[in-house]
């Protein structure tokens, strides 16, 4: 019975660690995406820092990535930048790879 309990605790710890890692990767990805969008909108350094934080906060509105995509796409469109959903999604995918490399490397 002890082996089963040990295995169960190990699985729970691994799950918690995997979830924490996933959260950190997504937060870093959103920060990088915010930086990418801010550069295209021509924001100042202070505005870029605030925008990066706003993009990270946008991820807490609902489950999934749609809230972040909606924010970045809406803000860029409002700034007069011609961009489409697919471009933002591609940038998000690219930034996720970059975030994963930064955190794992």
PDB file of N, CA and C in Angstrom:
ATOM      1  N   UNK A   1       0.810  -1.193   0.000  1.00  0.00           N
ATOM      2  CA  UNK A   1       0.000   0.000   0.000  1.00  0.00           C
ATOM      3  C   UNK A   1       0.860   1.267   0.000  1.00  0.00           C
ATOM      4  N   UNK A   2       2.006   1.199   0.627  1.00  0.00           N
ATOM      5  CA  UNK A   2       2.894   2.354   0.691  1.00  0.00           C
ATOM      6  C   UNK A   2       3.378   2.739  -0.696  1.00  0.00           C
ATOM      7  N   UNK A   3       3.701   1.748  -1.515  1.00  0.00           N
ATOM      8  CA  UNK A   3       4.158   2.048  -2.880  1.00  0.00           C
ATOM      9  C   UNK A   3       3.089   2.785  -3.670  1.00  0.00           C
ATOM     10  N   UNK A   4       1.847   2.370  -3.487  1.00  0.00           N
ATOM     11  CA  UNK A   4       0.750   3.035  -4.187  1.00  0.00           C
ATOM     12  C   UNK A   4       0.621   4.481  -3.720  1.00  0.00           C
ATOM     13  N   UNK A   5       0.675   4.697  -2.415  1.00  0.00           N
ATOM     14  CA  UNK A   5       0.574   6.059  -1.872  1.00  0.00           C
ATOM     15  C   UNK A   5       1.740   6.922  -2.325  1.00  0.00           C
ATOM     16  N   UNK A   6       2.931   6.346  -2.334  1.00  0.00           N
ATOM     17  CA  UNK A   6       4.109   7.078  -2.803  1.00  0.00           C
ATOM     18  C   UNK A   6       3.957   7.457  -4.267  1.00  0.00           C
ATOM     19  N   UNK A   7       3.486   6.517  -5.047  1.00  0.00           N
ATOM     20  CA  UNK A   7       3.287   6.771  -6.473  1.00  0.00           C
ATOM     21  C   UNK A   7       2.229   7.854  -6.698  1.00  0.00           C
ATOM     22  N   UNK A   8       1.157   7.786  -5.920  1.00  0.00           N
ATOM     23  CA  UNK A   8       0.090   8.778  -6.030  1.00  0.00           C
ATOM     24  C   UNK A   8       0.604  10.178  -5.669  1.00  0.00           C
ATOM     25  N   UNK A   9       1.372  10.286  -4.604  1.00  0.00           N
ATOM     26  CA  UNK A   9       1.946  11.581  -4.210  1.00  0.00           C
ATOM     27  C   UNK A   9       2.914  12.093  -5.273  1.00  0.00           C
ATOM     28  N   UNK A  10       3.687  11.195  -5.846  1.00  0.00           N
ATOM     29  CA  UNK A  10       4.629  11.591  -6.888  1.00  0.00           C
ATOM     30  C   UNK A  10       3.888  12.110  -8.121  1.00  0.00           C
ATOM     31  N   UNK A  11       2.805  11.450  -8.488  1.00  0.00           N
ATOM     32  CA  UNK A  11       2.004  11.892  -9.634  1.00  0.00           C
ATOM     33  C   UNK A  11       1.367  13.257  -9.356  1.00  0.00           C
ATOM     34  N   UNK A  12       0.883  13.453  -8.141  1.00  0.00           N
ATOM     35  CA  UNK A  12       0.287  14.734  -7.784  1.00  0.00           C
ATOM     36  C   UNK A  12       1.335  15.850  -7.814  1.00  0.00           C
ATOM     37  N   UNK A  13       2.514  15.566  -7.320  1.00  0.00           N
ATOM     38  CA  UNK A  13       3.594  16.560  -7.329  1.00  0.00           C
ATOM     39  C   UNK A  13       4.008  16.885  -8.758  1.00  0.00           C
ATOM     40  N   UNK A  14       4.087  15.864  -9.608  1.00  0.00           N
ATOM     41  CA  UNK A  14       4.448  16.088 -11.014  1.00  0.00           C
ATOM     42  C   UNK A  14       3.380  16.927 -11.710  1.00  0.00           C
ATOM     43  N   UNK A  15       2.119  16.618 -11.443  1.00  0.00           N
ATOM     44  CA  UNK A  15       1.030  17.389 -12.042  1.00  0.00           C
ATOM     45  C   UNK A  15       1.120  18.850 -11.618  1.00  0.00           C
ATOM     46  N   UNK A  16       1.343  19.092 -10.331  1.00  0.00           N
ATOM     47  CA  UNK A  16       1.438  20.467  -9.821  1.00  0.00           C
ATOM     48  C   UNK A  16       2.621  21.194 -10.465  1.00  0.00           C
ATOM     49  N   UNK A  17       3.735  20.509 -10.597  1.00  0.00           N
ATOM     50  CA  UNK A  17       4.910  21.120 -11.207  1.00  0.00           C
ATOM     51  C   UNK A  17       4.666  21.407 -12.693  1.00  0.00           C
ATOM     52  N   UNK A  18       4.028  20.484 -13.388  1.00  0.00           N
ATOM     53  CA  UNK A  18       3.713  20.696 -14.804  1.00  0.00           C
ATOM     54  C   UNK A  18       2.769  21.884 -14.994  1.00  0.00           C
ATOM     55  N   UNK A  19       1.777  22.007 -14.119  1.00  0.00           N
ATOM     56  CA  UNK A  19       0.841  23.133 -14.200  1.00  0.00           C
ATOM     57  C   UNK A  19       1.549  24.453 -13.925  1.00  0.00           C
ATOM     58  N   UNK A  20       2.434  24.456 -12.943  1.00  0.00           N
ATOM     59  CA  UNK A  20       3.203  25.659 -12.633  1.00  0.00           C
ATOM     60  C   UNK A  20       4.079  26.056 -13.821  1.00  0.00           C
ATOM     61  N   UNK A  21       4.717  25.080 -14.431  1.00  0.00           N
ATOM     62  CA  UNK A  21       5.570  25.344 -15.590  1.00  0.00           C
ATOM     63  C   UNK A  21       4.741  25.894 -16.749  1.00  0.00           C
ATOM     64  N   UNK A  22       3.591  25.298 -16.981  1.00  0.00           N
ATOM     65  CA  UNK A  22       2.704  25.756 -18.057  1.00  0.00           C
ATOM     66  C   UNK A  22       2.263  27.201 -17.806  1.00  0.00           C
ATOM     67  N   UNK A  23       1.921  27.505 -16.556  1.00  0.00           N
ATOM     68  CA  UNK A  23       1.519  28.870 -16.203  1.00  0.00           C
ATOM     69  C   UNK A  23       2.651  29.855 -16.462  1.00  0.00           C
ATOM     70  N   UNK A  24       3.855  29.499 -16.055  1.00  0.00           N
ATOM     71  CA  UNK A  24       5.008  30.380 -16.245  1.00  0.00           C
ATOM     72  C   UNK A  24       5.306  30.599 -17.724  1.00  0.00           C
ATOM     73  N   UNK A  25       5.207  29.539 -18.512  1.00  0.00           N
ATOM     74  CA  UNK A  25       5.451  29.657 -19.955  1.00  0.00           C
ATOM     75  C   UNK A  25       4.416  30.581 -20.585  1.00  0.00           C
ATOM     76  N   UNK A  26       3.151  30.420 -20.225  1.00  0.00           N
ATOM     77  CA  UNK A  26       2.104  31.260 -20.812  1.00  0.00           C
ATOM     78  C   UNK A  26       2.251  32.714 -20.382  1.00  0.00           C
ATOM     79  N   UNK A  27       2.611  32.951 -19.133  1.00  0.00           N
ATOM     80  CA  UNK A  27       2.820  34.327 -18.679  1.00  0.00           C
ATOM     81  C   UNK A  27       3.987  34.966 -19.428  1.00  0.00           C
ATOM     82  N   UNK A  28       5.074  34.210 -19.586  1.00  0.00           N
ATOM     83  CA  UNK A  28       6.235  34.733 -20.321  1.00  0.00           C
ATOM     84  C   UNK A  28       5.869  34.958 -21.785  1.00  0.00           C
ATOM     85  N   UNK A  29       5.145  34.014 -22.371  1.00  0.00           N
ATOM     86  CA  UNK A  29       4.711  34.154 -23.764  1.00  0.00           C
ATOM     87  C   UNK A  29       3.870  35.407 -23.940  1.00  0.00           C
ATOM     88  N   UNK A  30       2.942  35.642 -23.036  1.00  0.00           N
ATOM     89  CA  UNK A  30       2.081  36.818 -23.147  1.00  0.00           C
ATOM     90  C   UNK A  30       2.877  38.106 -22.987  1.00  0.00           C
ATOM     91  N   UNK A  31       3.856  38.079 -22.117  1.00  0.00           N
ATOM     92  CA  UNK A  31       4.729  39.253 -21.932  1.00  0.00           C
ATOM     93  C   UNK A  31       5.504  39.536 -23.229  1.00  0.00           C
ATOM     94  N   UNK A  32       6.039  38.475 -23.826  1.00  0.00           N
ATOM     95  CA  UNK A  32       6.777  38.623 -25.083  1.00  0.00           C
ATOM     96  C   UNK A  32       5.857  39.079 -26.216  1.00  0.00           C
ATOM     97  N   UNK A  33       4.640  38.571 -26.222  1.00  0.00           N
ATOM     98  CA  UNK A  33       3.664  38.981 -27.240  1.00  0.00           C
ATOM     99  C   UNK A  33       3.312  40.457 -27.065  1.00  0.00           C
ATOM    100  N   UNK A  34       3.166  40.885 -25.821  1.00  0.00           N
ATOM    101  CA  UNK A  34       2.895  42.291 -25.552  1.00  0.00           C
ATOM    102  C   UNK A  34       4.029  43.177 -26.022  1.00  0.00           C
ATOM    103  N   UNK A  35       5.250  42.712 -25.825  1.00  0.00           N
ATOM    104  CA  UNK A  35       6.427  43.458 -26.285  1.00  0.00           C
ATOM    105  C   UNK A  35       6.438  43.545 -27.809  1.00  0.00           C
ATOM    106  N   UNK A  36       6.116  42.449 -28.458  1.00  0.00           N
ATOM    107  CA  UNK A  36       6.056  42.392 -29.921  1.00  0.00           C
ATOM    108  C   UNK A  36       5.017  43.385 -30.451  1.00  0.00           C
ATOM    109  N   UNK A  37       3.834  43.366 -29.839  1.00  0.00           N
ATOM    110  CA  UNK A  37       2.757  44.261 -30.280  1.00  0.00           C
ATOM    111  C   UNK A  37       3.120  45.722 -29.997  1.00  0.00           C
ATOM    112  N   UNK A  38       3.711  45.974 -28.838  1.00  0.00           N
ATOM    113  CA  UNK A  38       4.091  47.346 -28.472  1.00  0.00           C
ATOM    114  C   UNK A  38       5.103  47.913 -29.456  1.00  0.00           C
ATOM    115  N   UNK A  39       6.036  47.083 -29.895  1.00  0.00           N
ATOM    116  CA  UNK A  39       7.031  47.538 -30.868  1.00  0.00           C
ATOM    117  C   UNK A  39       6.354  47.924 -32.179  1.00  0.00           C
ATOM    118  N   UNK A  40       5.366  47.164 -32.593  1.00  0.00           N
ATOM    119  CA  UNK A  40       4.662  47.473 -33.844  1.00  0.00           C
ATOM    120  C   UNK A  40       3.778  48.708 -33.709  1.00  0.00           C
ATOM    121  N   UNK A  41       3.317  48.975 -32.480  1.00  0.00           N
ATOM    122  CA  UNK A  41       2.476  50.156 -32.255  1.00  0.00           C
ATOM    123  C   UNK A  41       3.312  51.400 -31.971  1.00  0.00           C
ATOM    124  N   UNK A  42       4.634  51.227 -31.840  1.00  0.00           N
ATOM    125  CA  UNK A  42       5.516  52.360 -31.611  1.00  0.00           C
ATOM    126  C   UNK A  42       5.412  52.949 -30.213  1.00  0.00           C
ATOM    127  N   UNK A  43       5.159  52.116 -29.221  1.00  0.00           N
ATOM    128  CA  UNK A  43       5.032  52.596 -27.847  1.00  0.00           C
ATOM    129  C   UNK A  43       6.398  52.915 -27.245  1.00  0.00           C
ATOM    130  N   UNK A  44       6.404  53.845 -26.312  1.00  0.00           N
ATOM    131  CA  UNK A  44       7.646  54.189 -25.609  1.00  0.00           C
ATOM    132  C   UNK A  44       8.020  53.049 -24.659  1.00  0.00           C
ATOM    133  N   UNK A  45       9.197  53.167 -24.052  1.00  0.00           N
ATOM    134  CA  UNK A  45       9.659  52.115 -23.144  1.00  0.00           C
ATOM    135  C   UNK A  45       8.704  51.943 -21.957  1.00  0.00           C
ATOM    136  N   UNK A  46       8.275  53.054 -21.374  1.00  0.00           N
ATOM    137  CA  UNK A  46       7.349  52.990 -20.236  1.00  0.00           C
ATOM    138  C   UNK A  46       5.994  52.430 -20.672  1.00  0.00           C
ATOM    139  N   UNK A  47       5.518  52.865 -21.828  1.00  0.00           N
ATOM    140  CA  UNK A  47       4.245  52.352 -22.349  1.00  0.00           C
ATOM    141  C   UNK A  47       4.352  50.867 -22.677  1.00  0.00           C
ATOM    142  N   UNK A  48       5.503  50.444 -23.184  1.00  0.00           N
ATOM    143  CA  UNK A  48       5.730  49.030 -23.503  1.00  0.00           C
ATOM    144  C   UNK A  48       5.662  48.180 -22.244  1.00  0.00           C
ATOM    145  N   UNK A  49       6.297  48.646 -21.173  1.00  0.00           N
ATOM    146  CA  UNK A  49       6.271  47.898 -19.912  1.00  0.00           C
ATOM    147  C   UNK A  49       4.839  47.754 -19.398  1.00  0.00           C
ATOM    148  N   UNK A  50       4.084  48.837 -19.441  1.00  0.00           N
ATOM    149  CA  UNK A  50       2.690  48.804 -18.999  1.00  0.00           C
ATOM    150  C   UNK A  50       1.858  47.896 -19.906  1.00  0.00           C
ATOM    151  N   UNK A  51       2.125  47.945 -21.195  1.00  0.00           N
ATOM    152  CA  UNK A  51       1.359  47.121 -22.135  1.00  0.00           C
ATOM    153  C   UNK A  51       1.665  45.638 -21.942  1.00  0.00           C
ATOM    154  N   UNK A  52       2.926  45.303 -21.702  1.00  0.00           N
ATOM    155  CA  UNK A  52       3.275  43.900 -21.444  1.00  0.00           C
ATOM    156  C   UNK A  52       2.486  43.376 -20.255  1.00  0.00           C
ATOM    157  N   UNK A  53       2.411  44.163 -19.203  1.00  0.00           N
ATOM    158  CA  UNK A  53       1.656  43.756 -18.008  1.00  0.00           C
ATOM    159  C   UNK A  53       0.168  43.614 -18.325  1.00  0.00           C
ATOM    160  N   UNK A  54      -0.353  44.523 -19.143  1.00  0.00           N
ATOM    161  CA  UNK A  54      -1.775  44.472 -19.508  1.00  0.00           C
ATOM    162  C   UNK A  54      -2.100  43.214 -20.298  1.00  0.00           C
ATOM    163  N   UNK A  55      -1.189  42.804 -21.169  1.00  0.00           N
ATOM    164  CA  UNK A  55      -1.417  41.584 -21.959  1.00  0.00           C
ATOM    165  C   UNK A  55      -1.393  40.360 -21.040  1.00  0.00           C
ATOM    166  N   UNK A  56      -0.477  40.328 -20.092  1.00  0.00           N
ATOM    167  CA  UNK A  56      -0.432  39.220 -19.135  1.00  0.00           C
ATOM    168  C   UNK A  56      -1.734  39.193 -18.334  1.00  0.00           C
ATOM    169  N   UNK A  57      -2.213  40.342 -17.888  1.00  0.00           N
ATOM    170  CA  UNK A  57      -3.461  40.421 -17.117  1.00  0.00           C
ATOM    171  C   UNK A  57      -4.668  39.985 -17.944  1.00  0.00           C
ATOM    172  N   UNK A  58      -4.632  40.257 -19.238  1.00  0.00           N
ATOM    173  CA  UNK A  58      -5.757  39.892 -20.108  1.00  0.00           C
ATOM    174  C   UNK A  58      -5.990  38.388 -20.123  1.00  0.00           C
ATOM    175  N   UNK A  59      -4.950  37.615 -19.868  1.00  0.00           N
ATOM    176  CA  UNK A  59      -5.077  36.160 -19.900  1.00  0.00           C
ATOM    177  C   UNK A  59      -5.929  35.632 -18.752  1.00  0.00           C
ATOM    178  N   UNK A  60      -6.181  36.441 -17.744  1.00  0.00           N
ATOM    179  CA  UNK A  60      -6.969  35.997 -16.603  1.00  0.00           C
ATOM    180  C   UNK A  60      -8.460  36.222 -16.787  1.00  0.00           C
ATOM    181  N   UNK A  61      -8.865  36.803 -17.911  1.00  0.00           N
ATOM    182  CA  UNK A  61     -10.275  37.093 -18.151  1.00  0.00           C
ATOM    183  C   UNK A  61     -11.095  35.834 -18.403  1.00  0.00           C
ATOM    184  N   UNK A  62     -10.540  34.901 -19.147  1.00  0.00           N
ATOM    185  CA  UNK A  62     -11.255  33.655 -19.446  1.00  0.00           C
ATOM    186  C   UNK A  62     -10.247  32.562 -19.746  1.00  0.00           C
ATOM    187  N   UNK A  63     -10.711  31.361 -19.747  1.00  0.00           N
ATOM    188  CA  UNK A  63      -9.849  30.223 -20.034  1.00  0.00           C
ATOM    189  C   UNK A  63      -9.444  30.225 -21.507  1.00  0.00           C
ATOM    190  N   UNK A  64      -8.225  29.828 -21.783  1.00  0.00           N
ATOM    191  CA  UNK A  64      -7.747  29.764 -23.154  1.00  0.00           C
ATOM    192  C   UNK A  64      -7.031  31.034 -23.572  1.00  0.00           C
ATOM    193  N   UNK A  65      -6.698  31.091 -24.846  1.00  0.00           N
ATOM    194  CA  UNK A  65      -5.894  32.190 -25.380  1.00  0.00           C
ATOM    195  C   UNK A  65      -6.718  33.274 -26.067  1.00  0.00           C
ATOM    196  N   UNK A  66      -8.000  33.059 -26.231  1.00  0.00           N
ATOM    197  CA  UNK A  66      -8.823  33.989 -27.005  1.00  0.00           C
ATOM    198  C   UNK A  66      -8.836  35.392 -26.401  1.00  0.00           C
ATOM    199  N   UNK A  67      -8.810  35.496 -25.076  1.00  0.00           N
ATOM    200  CA  UNK A  67      -8.831  36.809 -24.446  1.00  0.00           C
ATOM    201  C   UNK A  67      -7.568  37.605 -24.769  1.00  0.00           C
ATOM    202  N   UNK A  68      -6.434  36.933 -24.817  1.00  0.00           N
ATOM    203  CA  UNK A  68      -5.168  37.601 -25.141  1.00  0.00           C
ATOM    204  C   UNK A  68      -5.160  38.014 -26.611  1.00  0.00           C
ATOM    205  N   UNK A  69      -5.578  37.118 -27.477  1.00  0.00           N
ATOM    206  CA  UNK A  69      -5.617  37.422 -28.909  1.00  0.00           C
ATOM    207  C   UNK A  69      -6.562  38.592 -29.173  1.00  0.00           C
ATOM    208  N   UNK A  70      -7.712  38.555 -28.538  1.00  0.00           N
ATOM    209  CA  UNK A  70      -8.696  39.629 -28.714  1.00  0.00           C
ATOM    210  C   UNK A  70      -8.109  40.979 -28.270  1.00  0.00           C
ATOM    211  N   UNK A  71      -7.404  41.000 -27.152  1.00  0.00           N
ATOM    212  CA  UNK A  71      -6.808  42.244 -26.653  1.00  0.00           C
ATOM    213  C   UNK A  71      -5.755  42.775 -27.617  1.00  0.00           C
ATOM    214  N   UNK A  72      -4.805  41.925 -27.981  1.00  0.00           N
ATOM    215  CA  UNK A  72      -3.709  42.371 -28.850  1.00  0.00           C
ATOM    216  C   UNK A  72      -4.243  42.799 -30.213  1.00  0.00           C
ATOM    217  N   UNK A  73      -5.119  42.004 -30.783  1.00  0.00           N
ATOM    218  CA  UNK A  73      -5.694  42.328 -32.086  1.00  0.00           C
ATOM    219  C   UNK A  73      -6.483  43.637 -32.020  1.00  0.00           C
ATOM    220  N   UNK A  74      -7.286  43.796 -30.986  1.00  0.00           N
ATOM    221  CA  UNK A  74      -8.080  45.016 -30.829  1.00  0.00           C
ATOM    222  C   UNK A  74      -7.215  46.250 -30.631  1.00  0.00           C
ATOM    223  N   UNK A  75      -6.189  46.123 -29.798  1.00  0.00           N
ATOM    224  CA  UNK A  75      -5.306  47.269 -29.534  1.00  0.00           C
ATOM    225  C   UNK A  75      -4.512  47.667 -30.774  1.00  0.00           C
ATOM    226  N   UNK A  76      -4.046  46.667 -31.503  1.00  0.00           N
ATOM    227  CA  UNK A  76      -3.265  46.973 -32.705  1.00  0.00           C
ATOM    228  C   UNK A  76      -4.154  47.592 -33.785  1.00  0.00           C
ATOM    229  N   UNK A  77      -5.357  47.078 -33.916  1.00  0.00           N
ATOM    230  CA  UNK A  77      -6.297  47.637 -34.890  1.00  0.00           C
ATOM    231  C   UNK A  77      -6.657  49.070 -34.503  1.00  0.00           C
ATOM    232  N   UNK A  78      -6.882  49.302 -33.202  1.00  0.00           N
ATOM    233  CA  UNK A  78      -7.207  50.650 -32.724  1.00  0.00           C
ATOM    234  C   UNK A  78      -6.045  51.621 -32.951  1.00  0.00           C
ATOM    235  N   UNK A  79      -4.826  51.097 -32.963  1.00  0.00           N
ATOM    236  CA  UNK A  79      -3.651  51.938 -33.205  1.00  0.00           C
ATOM    237  C   UNK A  79      -3.418  52.179 -34.696  1.00  0.00           C
ATOM    238  N   UNK A  80      -4.301  51.641 -35.528  1.00  0.00           N
ATOM    239  CA  UNK A  80      -4.201  51.876 -36.971  1.00  0.00           C
ATOM    240  C   UNK A  80      -3.277  50.915 -37.695  1.00  0.00           C
ATOM    241  N   UNK A  81      -2.968  49.806 -37.068  1.00  0.00           N
ATOM    242  CA  UNK A  81      -2.084  48.815 -37.687  1.00  0.00           C
ATOM    243  C   UNK A  81      -2.941  47.758 -38.359  1.00  0.00           C
ATOM    244  N   UNK A  82      -2.644  47.506 -39.622  1.00  0.00           N
ATOM    245  CA  UNK A  82      -3.367  46.457 -40.343  1.00  0.00           C
ATOM    246  C   UNK A  82      -2.796  45.110 -39.945  1.00  0.00           C
ATOM    247  N   UNK A  83      -3.614  44.322 -39.289  1.00  0.00           N
ATOM    248  CA  UNK A  83      -3.180  43.012 -38.821  1.00  0.00           C
ATOM    249  C   UNK A  83      -4.391  42.111 -38.760  1.00  0.00           C
ATOM    250  N   UNK A  84      -4.155  40.826 -38.917  1.00  0.00           N
ATOM    251  CA  UNK A  84      -5.271  39.892 -38.844  1.00  0.00           C
ATOM    252  C   UNK A  84      -5.043  38.876 -37.727  1.00  0.00           C
ATOM    253  N   UNK A  85      -6.077  38.134 -37.458  1.00  0.00           N
ATOM    254  CA  UNK A  85      -6.081  37.126 -36.399  1.00  0.00           C
ATOM    255  C   UNK A  85      -4.955  36.112 -36.581  1.00  0.00           C
ATOM    256  N   UNK A  86      -4.751  35.667 -37.812  1.00  0.00           N
ATOM    257  CA  UNK A  86      -3.737  34.641 -38.090  1.00  0.00           C
ATOM    258  C   UNK A  86      -2.326  35.143 -37.762  1.00  0.00           C
ATOM    259  N   UNK A  87      -2.061  36.417 -38.024  1.00  0.00           N
ATOM    260  CA  UNK A  87      -0.746  36.978 -37.734  1.00  0.00           C
ATOM    261  C   UNK A  87      -0.495  37.020 -36.230  1.00  0.00           C
ATOM    262  N   UNK A  88      -1.509  37.418 -35.472  1.00  0.00           N
ATOM    263  CA  UNK A  88      -1.374  37.455 -34.011  1.00  0.00           C
ATOM    264  C   UNK A  88      -1.186  36.044 -33.467  1.00  0.00           C
ATOM    265  N   UNK A  89      -1.949  35.093 -33.988  1.00  0.00           N
ATOM    266  CA  UNK A  89      -1.810  33.701 -33.534  1.00  0.00           C
ATOM    267  C   UNK A  89      -0.421  33.142 -33.864  1.00  0.00           C
ATOM    268  N   UNK A  90       0.088  33.463 -35.042  1.00  0.00           N
ATOM    269  CA  UNK A  90       1.429  33.011 -35.429  1.00  0.00           C
ATOM    270  C   UNK A  90       2.483  33.619 -34.505  1.00  0.00           C
ATOM    271  N   UNK A  91       2.334  34.900 -34.193  1.00  0.00           N
ATOM    272  CA  UNK A  91       3.270  35.555 -33.273  1.00  0.00           C
ATOM    273  C   UNK A  91       3.177  34.922 -31.888  1.00  0.00           C
ATOM    274  N   UNK A  92       1.966  34.585 -31.461  1.00  0.00           N
ATOM    275  CA  UNK A  92       1.782  33.950 -30.163  1.00  0.00           C
ATOM    276  C   UNK A  92       2.476  32.591 -30.123  1.00  0.00           C
ATOM    277  N   UNK A  93       2.333  31.818 -31.181  1.00  0.00           N
ATOM    278  CA  UNK A  93       3.001  30.514 -31.252  1.00  0.00           C
ATOM    279  C   UNK A  93       4.520  30.675 -31.206  1.00  0.00           C
ATOM    280  N   UNK A  94       5.021  31.652 -31.940  1.00  0.00           N
ATOM    281  CA  UNK A  94       6.457  31.918 -31.965  1.00  0.00           C
ATOM    282  C   UNK A  94       6.951  32.339 -30.578  1.00  0.00           C
ATOM    283  N   UNK A  95       6.185  33.178 -29.910  1.00  0.00           N
ATOM    284  CA  UNK A  95       6.569  33.658 -28.578  1.00  0.00           C
ATOM    285  C   UNK A  95       6.464  32.540 -27.538  1.00  0.00           C
ATOM    286  N   UNK A  96       5.585  31.585 -27.755  1.00  0.00           N
ATOM    287  CA  UNK A  96       5.500  30.450 -26.823  1.00  0.00           C
ATOM    288  C   UNK A  96       6.757  29.588 -26.912  1.00  0.00           C
ATOM    289  N   UNK A  97       7.240  29.368 -28.120  1.00  0.00           N
ATOM    290  CA  UNK A  97       8.487  28.619 -28.300  1.00  0.00           C
ATOM    291  C   UNK A  97       9.642  29.366 -27.629  1.00  0.00           C
ATOM    292  N   UNK A  98       9.686  30.677 -27.840  1.00  0.00           N
ATOM    293  CA  UNK A  98      10.738  31.494 -27.249  1.00  0.00           C
ATOM    294  C   UNK A  98      10.659  31.461 -25.710  1.00  0.00           C
ATOM    295  N   UNK A  99       9.436  31.566 -25.174  1.00  0.00           N
ATOM    296  CA  UNK A  99       9.250  31.530 -23.714  1.00  0.00           C
ATOM    297  C   UNK A  99       9.681  30.192 -23.144  1.00  0.00           C
ATOM    298  N   UNK A 100       9.326  29.116 -23.833  1.00  0.00           N
ATOM    299  CA  UNK A 100       9.702  27.771 -23.376  1.00  0.00           C
ATOM    300  C   UNK A 100      11.236  27.637 -23.349  1.00  0.00           C
ATOM    301  N   UNK A 101      11.885  28.138 -24.378  1.00  0.00           N
ATOM    302  CA  UNK A 101      13.358  28.084 -24.431  1.00  0.00           C
ATOM    303  C   UNK A 101      13.981  28.891 -23.297  1.00  0.00           C
ATOM    304  N   UNK A 102      13.421  30.070 -23.043  1.00  0.00           N
ATOM    305  CA  UNK A 102      13.960  30.913 -21.976  1.00  0.00           C
ATOM    306  C   UNK A 102      13.820  30.252 -20.611  1.00  0.00           C
ATOM    307  N   UNK A 103      12.679  29.640 -20.367  1.00  0.00           N
ATOM    308  CA  UNK A 103      12.457  29.041 -19.050  1.00  0.00           C
ATOM    309  C   UNK A 103      13.143  27.693 -18.867  1.00  0.00           C
ATOM    310  N   UNK A 104      13.308  26.972 -19.950  1.00  0.00           N
ATOM    311  CA  UNK A 104      13.909  25.647 -19.840  1.00  0.00           C
ATOM    312  C   UNK A 104      15.439  25.686 -20.016  1.00  0.00           C
ATOM    313  N   UNK A 105      15.929  26.775 -20.589  1.00  0.00           N
ATOM    314  CA  UNK A 105      17.343  26.849 -20.914  1.00  0.00           C
ATOM    315  C   UNK A 105      18.207  27.458 -19.906  1.00  0.00           C
TER     316      UNK A 105
END
